[in-house]
Amino acid sequence: MDFPRLSGKEAEILRLLIANGEMYGLQMVDASKELKRGTIYVTLMRMADKGYVESREEDSPPLGRPARKLVKVTGHGVLAYRAMEAAQRTFAGGTAWAT
């Protein structure tokens, strides 16, 4: 298996999901200064294709509103994020790189 390569946006999404559990795309945008409304869903689709995240529709959306998708990190996503953190510590002399 190749070493996982995460973009800054992918790393930020994984960080948020690891810290908070399931989230909606716009919750992630609101919780981060790095993520933007225009790119969050494209990034999430790319991450799902890589196996880093998975999603499901919310169980009971409010009346008159379509169901939103809840996103969560997969085991593969956690491993990719932890590998990135370890590489950052190793190559930066113990200091994490900015994501």
C-alpha atoms as a PDB file:
ATOM      1  CA  MET A   1       0.000   0.000   0.000  1.00  0.00           C
ATOM      2  CA  ASP A   2       1.239   3.484  -0.847  1.00  0.00           C
ATOM      3  CA  PHE A   3       1.729   6.077   1.863  1.00  0.00           C
ATOM      4  CA  PRO A   4      -1.533   8.061   2.137  1.00  0.00           C
ATOM      5  CA  ARG A   5      -1.346  11.598   0.820  1.00  0.00           C
ATOM      6  CA  LEU A   6      -3.817  14.010   2.303  1.00  0.00           C
ATOM      7  CA  SER A   7      -4.511  17.498   1.052  1.00  0.00           C
ATOM      8  CA  GLY A   8      -4.887  20.208   3.665  1.00  0.00           C
ATOM      9  CA  LYS A   9      -8.672  20.086   3.233  1.00  0.00           C
ATOM     10  CA  GLU A  10      -8.762  16.300   3.588  1.00  0.00           C
ATOM     11  CA  ALA A  11      -6.628  16.450   6.732  1.00  0.00           C
ATOM     12  CA  GLU A  12      -8.870  19.143   8.223  1.00  0.00           C
ATOM     13  CA  ILE A  13     -12.015  17.108   7.501  1.00  0.00           C
ATOM     14  CA  LEU A  14     -10.499  13.995   9.081  1.00  0.00           C
ATOM     15  CA  ARG A  15      -9.360  16.022  12.105  1.00  0.00           C
ATOM     16  CA  LEU A  16     -12.888  17.378  12.601  1.00  0.00           C
ATOM     17  CA  LEU A  17     -14.548  13.990  12.192  1.00  0.00           C
ATOM     18  CA  ILE A  18     -12.105  12.242  14.533  1.00  0.00           C
ATOM     19  CA  ALA A  19     -12.691  14.929  17.162  1.00  0.00           C
ATOM     20  CA  ASN A  20     -16.477  15.258  16.757  1.00  0.00           C
ATOM     21  CA  GLY A  21     -17.879  12.051  15.291  1.00  0.00           C
ATOM     22  CA  GLU A  22     -20.560  12.344  12.601  1.00  0.00           C
ATOM     23  CA  MET A  23     -21.053  15.780  11.095  1.00  0.00           C
ATOM     24  CA  TYR A  24     -22.901  17.422   8.219  1.00  0.00           C
ATOM     25  CA  GLY A  25     -20.831  19.105   5.517  1.00  0.00           C
ATOM     26  CA  LEU A  26     -21.916  22.605   6.510  1.00  0.00           C
ATOM     27  CA  GLN A  27     -21.164  21.853  10.180  1.00  0.00           C
ATOM     28  CA  MET A  28     -17.589  21.174   9.102  1.00  0.00           C
ATOM     29  CA  VAL A  29     -17.474  24.452   7.183  1.00  0.00           C
ATOM     30  CA  ASP A  30     -18.762  26.326  10.241  1.00  0.00           C
ATOM     31  CA  ALA A  31     -16.237  24.590  12.524  1.00  0.00           C
ATOM     32  CA  SER A  32     -13.232  25.360  10.310  1.00  0.00           C
ATOM     33  CA  LYS A  33     -11.645  28.471   8.851  1.00  0.00           C
ATOM     34  CA  GLU A  34     -10.053  26.357   6.094  1.00  0.00           C
ATOM     35  CA  LEU A  35     -13.118  24.684   4.579  1.00  0.00           C
ATOM     36  CA  LYS A  36     -15.429  26.485   2.162  1.00  0.00           C
ATOM     37  CA  ARG A  37     -19.019  25.813   1.135  1.00  0.00           C
ATOM     38  CA  GLY A  38     -18.087  25.559  -2.533  1.00  0.00           C
ATOM     39  CA  THR A  39     -15.582  22.734  -2.116  1.00  0.00           C
ATOM     40  CA  ILE A  40     -16.687  20.689   0.898  1.00  0.00           C
ATOM     41  CA  TYR A  41     -18.958  18.265  -0.955  1.00  0.00           C
ATOM     42  CA  VAL A  42     -16.517  17.675  -3.831  1.00  0.00           C
ATOM     43  CA  THR A  43     -13.786  16.966  -1.276  1.00  0.00           C
ATOM     44  CA  LEU A  44     -16.070  14.627   0.698  1.00  0.00           C
ATOM     45  CA  MET A  45     -16.963  12.683  -2.476  1.00  0.00           C
ATOM     46  CA  ARG A  46     -13.263  12.293  -3.317  1.00  0.00           C
ATOM     47  CA  MET A  47     -12.559  11.138   0.251  1.00  0.00           C
ATOM     48  CA  ALA A  48     -15.415   8.609   0.084  1.00  0.00           C
ATOM     49  CA  ASP A  49     -13.905   7.230  -3.143  1.00  0.00           C
ATOM     50  CA  LYS A  50     -10.600   6.782  -1.282  1.00  0.00           C
ATOM     51  CA  GLY A  51     -12.384   5.047   1.607  1.00  0.00           C
ATOM     52  CA  TYR A  52     -11.564   7.749   4.200  1.00  0.00           C
ATOM     53  CA  VAL A  53     -15.178   8.688   4.991  1.00  0.00           C
ATOM     54  CA  GLU A  54     -18.669   7.276   4.617  1.00  0.00           C
ATOM     55  CA  SER A  55     -22.061   8.911   4.841  1.00  0.00           C
ATOM     56  CA  ARG A  56     -25.680   8.165   5.595  1.00  0.00           C
ATOM     57  CA  GLU A  57     -28.894  10.155   5.480  1.00  0.00           C
ATOM     58  CA  GLU A  58     -30.174  11.527   8.768  1.00  0.00           C
ATOM     59  CA  ASP A  59     -32.931   9.455  10.309  1.00  0.00           C
ATOM     60  CA  SER A  60     -35.665  12.046  10.886  1.00  0.00           C
ATOM     61  CA  PRO A  61     -35.278  15.324   9.011  1.00  0.00           C
ATOM     62  CA  PRO A  62     -37.564  18.165  10.060  1.00  0.00           C
ATOM     63  CA  LEU A  63     -40.858  18.320   8.161  1.00  0.00           C
ATOM     64  CA  GLY A  64     -40.478  19.992   4.792  1.00  0.00           C
ATOM     65  CA  ARG A  65     -36.690  19.667   4.635  1.00  0.00           C
ATOM     66  CA  PRO A  66     -34.816  16.978   2.727  1.00  0.00           C
ATOM     67  CA  ALA A  67     -32.631  14.598   4.707  1.00  0.00           C
ATOM     68  CA  ARG A  68     -29.036  15.750   5.144  1.00  0.00           C
ATOM     69  CA  LYS A  69     -26.046  13.459   4.871  1.00  0.00           C
ATOM     70  CA  LEU A  70     -24.093  12.705   8.012  1.00  0.00           C
ATOM     71  CA  VAL A  71     -20.432  11.945   7.356  1.00  0.00           C
ATOM     72  CA  LYS A  72     -18.130   9.883   9.556  1.00  0.00           C
ATOM     73  CA  VAL A  73     -14.517   8.832   9.322  1.00  0.00           C
ATOM     74  CA  THR A  74     -13.728   5.205   8.494  1.00  0.00           C
ATOM     75  CA  GLY A  75     -10.984   3.098  10.047  1.00  0.00           C
ATOM     76  CA  HIS A  76      -8.962   3.650   6.871  1.00  0.00           C
ATOM     77  CA  GLY A  77      -9.420   7.420   7.270  1.00  0.00           C
ATOM     78  CA  VAL A  78      -8.209   7.315  10.884  1.00  0.00           C
ATOM     79  CA  LEU A  79      -5.131   5.297   9.836  1.00  0.00           C
ATOM     80  CA  ALA A  80      -4.352   7.744   7.015  1.00  0.00           C
ATOM     81  CA  TYR A  81      -4.653  10.714   9.386  1.00  0.00           C
ATOM     82  CA  ARG A  82      -2.509   9.075  12.078  1.00  0.00           C
ATOM     83  CA  ALA A  83       0.132   8.152   9.471  1.00  0.00           C
ATOM     84  CA  MET A  84       0.210  11.775   8.317  1.00  0.00           C
ATOM     85  CA  GLU A  85       0.603  12.969  11.921  1.00  0.00           C
ATOM     86  CA  ALA A  86       3.449  10.511  12.536  1.00  0.00           C
ATOM     87  CA  ALA A  87       5.215  11.565   9.333  1.00  0.00           C
ATOM     88  CA  GLN A  88       4.855  15.221  10.276  1.00  0.00           C
ATOM     89  CA  ARG A  89       6.370  14.616  13.706  1.00  0.00           C
ATOM     90  CA  THR A  90       9.231  12.614  12.206  1.00  0.00           C
ATOM     91  CA  PHE A  91      10.123  15.032   9.428  1.00  0.00           C
ATOM     92  CA  ALA A  92       9.490  18.191  11.411  1.00  0.00           C
ATOM     93  CA  GLY A  93      11.521  17.161  14.434  1.00  0.00           C
ATOM     94  CA  GLY A  94       8.496  16.568  16.644  1.00  0.00           C
ATOM     95  CA  THR A  95       6.455  19.518  15.457  1.00  0.00           C
ATOM     96  CA  ALA A  96       3.257  18.976  13.438  1.00  0.00           C
ATOM     97  CA  TRP A  97       2.960  20.736  10.087  1.00  0.00           C
ATOM     98  CA  ALA A  98       0.160  23.160   9.523  1.00  0.00           C
ATOM     99  CA  THR A  99      -2.724  21.557   7.651  1.00  0.00           C
END
